[in-house]
C-alpha atoms as a PDB file:
ATOM      1  CA  MET A   1      -8.024  -0.683  24.534  1.00  0.00           C
ATOM      2  CA  GLY A   2      -7.102   2.102  26.557  1.00  0.00           C
ATOM      3  CA  ASN A   3      -5.055   5.104  25.331  1.00  0.00           C
ATOM      4  CA  SER A   4      -1.270   4.111  26.140  1.00  0.00           C
ATOM      5  CA  ARG A   5      -2.613   0.917  24.469  1.00  0.00           C
ATOM      6  CA  GLY A   6      -3.786   2.519  21.242  1.00  0.00           C
ATOM      7  CA  HIS A   7      -0.661   4.992  21.304  1.00  0.00           C
ATOM      8  CA  ARG A   8       1.351   2.369  20.933  1.00  0.00           C
ATOM      9  CA  LYS A   9      -0.531   0.289  18.045  1.00  0.00           C
ATOM     10  CA  ARG A  10      -0.272   3.820  16.186  1.00  0.00           C
ATOM     11  CA  ARG A  11       3.467   4.433  16.771  1.00  0.00           C
ATOM     12  CA  ILE A  12       4.028   0.296  15.643  1.00  0.00           C
ATOM     13  CA  TYR A  13       1.844   1.253  12.562  1.00  0.00           C
ATOM     14  CA  LEU A  14       4.184   4.357  11.581  1.00  0.00           C
ATOM     15  CA  LEU A  15       6.797   1.660  12.033  1.00  0.00           C
ATOM     16  CA  LEU A  16       5.517  -0.181   9.353  1.00  0.00           C
ATOM     17  CA  ILE A  17       4.255   1.995   7.343  1.00  0.00           C
ATOM     18  CA  ALA A  18       8.536   3.730   7.447  1.00  0.00           C
ATOM     19  CA  ALA A  19       9.537   0.350   6.363  1.00  0.00           C
ATOM     20  CA  THR A  20       6.901  -0.576   4.051  1.00  0.00           C
ATOM     21  CA  VAL A  21       7.629   3.006   2.351  1.00  0.00           C
ATOM     22  CA  LEU A  22      11.544   2.199   2.298  1.00  0.00           C
ATOM     23  CA  ALA A  23      10.625  -1.335   1.178  1.00  0.00           C
ATOM     24  CA  GLY A  24       8.884  -0.056  -1.578  1.00  0.00           C
ATOM     25  CA  LEU A  25      11.436   2.295  -2.983  1.00  0.00           C
ATOM     26  CA  ALA A  26      13.812  -0.674  -3.254  1.00  0.00           C
ATOM     27  CA  THR A  27      11.560  -2.486  -5.613  1.00  0.00           C
ATOM     28  CA  ARG A  28      12.632   0.316  -7.905  1.00  0.00           C
ATOM     29  CA  TRP A  29      15.871  -1.537  -8.831  1.00  0.00           C
ATOM     30  CA  LEU A  30      15.140  -3.977  -8.798  1.00  0.00           C
ATOM     31  CA  LYS A  31      12.292  -2.564 -12.234  1.00  0.00           C
ATOM     32  CA  GLY A  32      16.484  -2.380 -13.998  1.00  0.00           C
ATOM     33  CA  SER A  33      17.223  -6.084 -13.808  1.00  0.00           C
ATOM     34  CA  LEU A  34      13.644  -7.553 -12.884  1.00  0.00           C
ATOM     35  CA  PRO A  35      11.107  -5.445 -14.617  1.00  0.00           C
ATOM     36  CA  THR A  36       7.885  -7.250 -14.096  1.00  0.00           C
ATOM     37  CA  VAL A  37       9.378  -8.451 -10.473  1.00  0.00           C
ATOM     38  CA  GLY A  38      10.435  -5.492  -9.575  1.00  0.00           C
ATOM     39  CA  ASP A  39       6.834  -3.816 -10.554  1.00  0.00           C
ATOM     40  CA  MET A  40       4.929  -6.381  -8.962  1.00  0.00           C
ATOM     41  CA  ALA A  41       7.317  -6.271  -5.856  1.00  0.00           C
ATOM     42  CA  GLY A  42       5.946  -2.456  -5.697  1.00  0.00           C
ATOM     43  CA  ASP A  43       1.853  -2.479  -6.582  1.00  0.00           C
ATOM     44  CA  ALA A  44       2.284  -5.481  -3.521  1.00  0.00           C
ATOM     45  CA  THR A  45       4.552  -3.407  -0.743  1.00  0.00           C
ATOM     46  CA  TRP A  46       2.177  -0.043  -1.961  1.00  0.00           C
ATOM     47  CA  ALA A  47      -0.986  -2.065  -1.272  1.00  0.00           C
ATOM     48  CA  THR A  48      -0.033  -3.219   2.155  1.00  0.00           C
ATOM     49  CA  MET A  49       1.372   0.611   2.779  1.00  0.00           C
ATOM     50  CA  VAL A  50      -2.430   1.551   2.087  1.00  0.00           C
ATOM     51  CA  PHE A  51      -3.505  -1.517   4.700  1.00  0.00           C
ATOM     52  CA  PHE A  52      -1.081   0.051   7.112  1.00  0.00           C
ATOM     53  CA  VAL A  53      -1.726   3.858   6.899  1.00  0.00           C
ATOM     54  CA  ILE A  54      -5.833   2.890   7.213  1.00  0.00           C
ATOM     55  CA  SER A  55      -4.617   0.786  10.017  1.00  0.00           C
ATOM     56  CA  PHE A  56      -3.048   3.818  11.756  1.00  0.00           C
ATOM     57  CA  VAL A  57      -5.945   5.132  10.865  1.00  0.00           C
ATOM     58  CA  ARG A  58      -8.329   3.432  11.968  1.00  0.00           C
ATOM     59  CA  PRO A  59      -6.512   0.906  14.752  1.00  0.00           C
ATOM     60  CA  ARG A  60      -9.952  -0.534  16.201  1.00  0.00           C
ATOM     61  CA  ALA A  61     -11.816  -1.322  13.615  1.00  0.00           C
ATOM     62  CA  SER A  62     -11.341  -5.133  12.566  1.00  0.00           C
ATOM     63  CA  VAL A  63      -8.602  -6.767  11.093  1.00  0.00           C
ATOM     64  CA  GLY A  64     -10.850  -7.951   8.491  1.00  0.00           C
ATOM     65  CA  ALA A  65     -12.718  -4.242   7.570  1.00  0.00           C
ATOM     66  CA  ARG A  66      -8.986  -2.808   7.219  1.00  0.00           C
ATOM     67  CA  ALA A  67      -7.997  -5.339   4.635  1.00  0.00           C
ATOM     68  CA  LEU A  68     -11.164  -4.431   2.618  1.00  0.00           C
ATOM     69  CA  GLY A  69     -10.591  -1.070   3.156  1.00  0.00           C
ATOM     70  CA  ALA A  70      -6.831  -1.030   1.548  1.00  0.00           C
ATOM     71  CA  VAL A  71      -8.296  -3.165  -1.361  1.00  0.00           C
ATOM     72  CA  ALA A  72     -10.963  -0.711  -2.086  1.00  0.00           C
ATOM     73  CA  VAL A  73      -8.714   2.039  -1.854  1.00  0.00           C
ATOM     74  CA  SER A  74      -5.605  -0.308  -4.327  1.00  0.00           C
ATOM     75  CA  PHE A  75      -8.935  -0.763  -6.508  1.00  0.00           C
ATOM     76  CA  ALA A  76      -9.563   2.437  -6.744  1.00  0.00           C
ATOM     77  CA  VAL A  77      -6.761   4.118  -7.812  1.00  0.00           C
ATOM     78  CA  GLU A  78      -5.655   1.451 -10.370  1.00  0.00           C
ATOM     79  CA  PHE A  79      -9.211   1.889 -12.293  1.00  0.00           C
ATOM     80  CA  SER A  80      -8.508   5.717 -11.761  1.00  0.00           C
ATOM     81  CA  GLN A  81      -5.758   4.829 -14.058  1.00  0.00           C
ATOM     82  CA  ILE A  82      -8.267   4.030 -17.078  1.00  0.00           C
ATOM     83  CA  TYR A  83      -9.036   8.289 -16.517  1.00  0.00           C
ATOM     84  CA  HIS A  84      -7.654  10.600 -18.447  1.00  0.00           C
ATOM     85  CA  ALA A  85      -7.489  14.107 -18.443  1.00  0.00           C
ATOM     86  CA  ARG A  86      -4.624  16.429 -19.112  1.00  0.00           C
ATOM     87  CA  TRP A  87      -4.947  18.210 -14.896  1.00  0.00           C
ATOM     88  CA  ILE A  88      -4.583  14.313 -13.719  1.00  0.00           C
ATOM     89  CA  ASP A  89      -2.668  13.065 -16.028  1.00  0.00           C
ATOM     90  CA  GLU A  90      -0.272  16.163 -15.336  1.00  0.00           C
ATOM     91  CA  VAL A  91      -0.400  15.532 -11.271  1.00  0.00           C
ATOM     92  CA  ARG A  92       0.968  11.675 -12.832  1.00  0.00           C
ATOM     93  CA  SER A  93       3.526  13.035 -14.191  1.00  0.00           C
ATOM     94  CA  THR A  94       5.581  13.883 -11.066  1.00  0.00           C
ATOM     95  CA  TRP A  95       7.888  11.534  -9.387  1.00  0.00           C
ATOM     96  CA  LEU A  96       5.040  11.519  -6.308  1.00  0.00           C
ATOM     97  CA  GLY A  97       2.018  11.535  -8.349  1.00  0.00           C
ATOM     98  CA  SER A  98       3.070   8.469 -10.282  1.00  0.00           C
ATOM     99  CA  MET A  99       4.678   6.888  -6.389  1.00  0.00           C
ATOM    100  CA  VAL A 100       0.971   7.465  -5.555  1.00  0.00           C
ATOM    101  CA  LEU A 101      -1.776   7.471  -8.345  1.00  0.00           C
ATOM    102  CA  GLY A 102       0.738   5.251 -10.992  1.00  0.00           C
ATOM    103  CA  SER A 103       0.269   5.639 -14.635  1.00  0.00           C
ATOM    104  CA  THR A 104      -1.509   2.755 -16.291  1.00  0.00           C
ATOM    105  CA  PHE A 105      -4.185   0.687 -15.625  1.00  0.00           C
ATOM    106  CA  ASP A 106      -3.342  -3.389 -15.371  1.00  0.00           C
ATOM    107  CA  TRP A 107      -5.198  -6.275 -14.090  1.00  0.00           C
ATOM    108  CA  ARG A 108      -2.593  -7.819 -12.854  1.00  0.00           C
ATOM    109  CA  ASP A 109      -1.995  -4.577 -10.560  1.00  0.00           C
ATOM    110  CA  LEU A 110      -4.880  -5.634  -8.613  1.00  0.00           C
ATOM    111  CA  PHE A 111      -3.491  -9.865  -8.106  1.00  0.00           C
ATOM    112  CA  CYS A 112      -0.570  -7.993  -6.164  1.00  0.00           C
ATOM    113  CA  TYR A 113      -2.448  -5.411  -4.665  1.00  0.00           C
ATOM    114  CA  VAL A 114      -4.491  -8.229  -3.006  1.00  0.00           C
ATOM    115  CA  ALA A 115      -1.343 -10.153  -2.096  1.00  0.00           C
ATOM    116  CA  GLY A 116      -0.158  -6.527  -0.304  1.00  0.00           C
ATOM    117  CA  VAL A 117      -2.653  -6.311   1.965  1.00  0.00           C
ATOM    118  CA  VAL A 118      -2.641  -9.894   2.692  1.00  0.00           C
ATOM    119  CA  LEU A 119       1.132  -9.648   3.649  1.00  0.00           C
ATOM    120  CA  GLY A 120      -0.025  -6.971   5.510  1.00  0.00           C
ATOM    121  CA  VAL A 121      -2.602  -8.443   7.329  1.00  0.00           C
ATOM    122  CA  ILE A 122       0.654 -11.523   7.915  1.00  0.00           C
ATOM    123  CA  VAL A 123       2.890  -8.673   9.261  1.00  0.00           C
ATOM    124  CA  GLU A 124       0.597  -7.878  11.457  1.00  0.00           C
ATOM    125  CA  ARG A 125      -0.291 -10.646  13.106  1.00  0.00           C
ATOM    126  CA  TRP A 126       3.668 -11.872  13.531  1.00  0.00           C
ATOM    127  CA  VAL A 127       3.844  -8.581  15.198  1.00  0.00           C
ATOM    128  CA  GLY A 128       1.684  -8.285  16.990  1.00  0.00           C
ATOM    129  CA  SER A 129       2.018 -11.383  18.106  1.00  0.00           C
ATOM    130  CA  ARG A 130       5.812 -10.759  20.451  1.00  0.00           C
END
């Protein structure tokens, strides 16, 4: 891949990251009227964003490697929620800390992460076909 093509791909990933962050923040409004749907949509968009961040950092990696990496990061963050120490709970008590690290382990979130990564792959394929 040429240098200009690599820069173009990174610009596209930046736009996808920004759009996904906005979509993820929008899911917070859903939590008021549809708490379970809003929570699940938020988890899925978080994993989609992780996929796009990994894609931005490693645009030449295969889609499978980037997807696997995004699932691994998402699962690691979810399983980290089992661990409770004062310092990490203080980080999680902040708005940014709760957005990035979550707070409470839930098995259902793992399925949402996989769905979010699959969505990221589909969006990438769709954008790439344009």
